[in-house]
Amino acid sequence: MSCIYRPFAWPSLLSALIVLLCTVSLYAAPPDKNPFGLDDYSTLHRARALAVAPDGKTVLFVTSYDGEKGKTKREWHTVSLAG
């Protein structure tokens, strides 16, 4: 009977250990106290740029959000590119 020398596979052991630790940490995390719901979604504000002024110094953007009742609310703003 002959013995075949096989080097220890550190990379595979390390990757298995990392996967095990990540899995354990997911189950050990406390549950959310307030799950994300429809009321939370209605309070989120979204912003997007619409146009840049011809002189390139200001940007027009709109923020929108869903209120408790009615249509989506929109607020129009301009901001200087300098900050």
Protein backbone atom coordinates (compact mmCIF):
# COMPACT_ATOMS: atom_id res chain seq x y z
CA MET A 1 0.00 0.00 0.00
CA SER A 2 1.45 3.35 -0.98
CA CYS A 3 0.73 6.71 0.60
CA ILE A 4 0.04 9.61 -1.74
CA TYR A 5 1.09 12.98 -0.37
CA ARG A 6 -1.58 15.63 -0.83
CA PRO A 7 -0.93 19.23 0.30
CA PHE A 8 -3.49 20.76 2.65
CA ALA A 9 -6.02 22.89 0.77
CA TRP A 10 -6.06 26.16 2.76
CA PRO A 11 -8.06 28.18 0.19
CA SER A 12 -10.98 25.74 0.20
CA LEU A 13 -10.97 25.52 3.99
CA LEU A 14 -10.89 29.31 4.27
CA SER A 15 -13.77 29.78 1.82
CA ALA A 16 -15.85 27.16 3.67
CA LEU A 17 -15.18 28.95 6.95
CA ILE A 18 -16.24 32.31 5.47
CA VAL A 19 -19.49 30.82 4.14
CA LEU A 20 -20.19 29.25 7.53
CA LEU A 21 -19.59 32.52 9.39
CA CYS A 22 -21.80 34.49 6.99
CA THR A 23 -24.61 31.97 7.35
CA VAL A 24 -24.41 32.03 11.14
CA SER A 25 -24.37 35.85 11.20
CA LEU A 26 -27.55 35.98 9.10
CA TYR A 27 -29.43 33.81 11.55
CA ALA A 28 -27.98 35.61 14.57
CA ALA A 29 -29.14 39.06 13.40
CA PRO A 30 -32.08 40.46 15.38
CA PRO A 31 -35.35 40.82 13.46
CA ASP A 32 -36.37 44.24 12.19
CA LYS A 33 -38.37 46.17 14.77
CA ASN A 34 -40.40 47.91 12.07
CA PRO A 35 -40.73 46.04 8.77
CA PHE A 36 -40.88 48.23 5.67
CA GLY A 37 -44.53 48.81 4.82
CA LEU A 38 -46.81 50.85 2.61
CA ASP A 39 -46.76 53.81 5.03
CA ASP A 40 -42.96 53.86 4.88
CA TYR A 41 -43.07 53.82 1.08
CA SER A 42 -45.41 56.82 0.99
CA THR A 43 -42.91 58.91 2.98
CA LEU A 44 -39.98 58.24 0.62
CA HIS A 45 -38.93 61.22 -1.49
CA ARG A 46 -37.53 60.73 -4.97
CA ALA A 47 -35.48 63.34 -6.83
CA ARG A 48 -34.39 63.55 -10.45
CA ALA A 49 -32.70 66.18 -12.57
CA LEU A 50 -34.78 67.48 -15.45
CA ALA A 51 -32.77 70.19 -17.19
CA VAL A 52 -29.57 72.19 -17.07
CA ALA A 53 -29.77 75.94 -17.68
CA PRO A 54 -28.34 77.15 -21.02
CA ASP A 55 -25.56 78.98 -19.17
CA GLY A 56 -24.69 75.74 -17.33
CA LYS A 57 -24.85 77.30 -13.87
CA THR A 58 -28.10 75.86 -12.48
CA VAL A 59 -30.03 72.59 -12.64
CA LEU A 60 -33.80 72.14 -12.45
CA PHE A 61 -34.88 69.07 -10.50
CA VAL A 62 -38.12 67.69 -9.12
CA THR A 63 -38.76 65.82 -5.88
CA SER A 64 -41.86 63.69 -5.67
CA TYR A 65 -43.52 61.65 -2.97
CA ASP A 66 -46.80 59.87 -2.38
CA GLY A 67 -48.92 61.39 0.34
CA GLU A 68 -51.49 59.67 2.49
CA LYS A 69 -54.29 60.69 0.12
CA GLY A 70 -54.54 61.94 -3.41
CA LYS A 71 -52.05 62.24 -6.20
CA THR A 72 -48.28 62.22 -6.06
CA LYS A 73 -46.93 65.50 -4.70
CA ARG A 74 -44.17 67.24 -6.68
CA GLU A 75 -41.85 70.07 -5.67
CA TRP A 76 -39.74 71.87 -8.26
CA HIS A 77 -36.33 73.25 -7.29
CA THR A 78 -33.27 74.82 -8.87
CA VAL A 79 -29.78 74.42 -7.51
CA SER A 80 -26.48 75.98 -8.46
CA LEU A 81 -23.85 73.61 -9.83
CA ALA A 82 -21.35 75.31 -7.52
CA GLY A 83 -23.23 73.84 -4.57
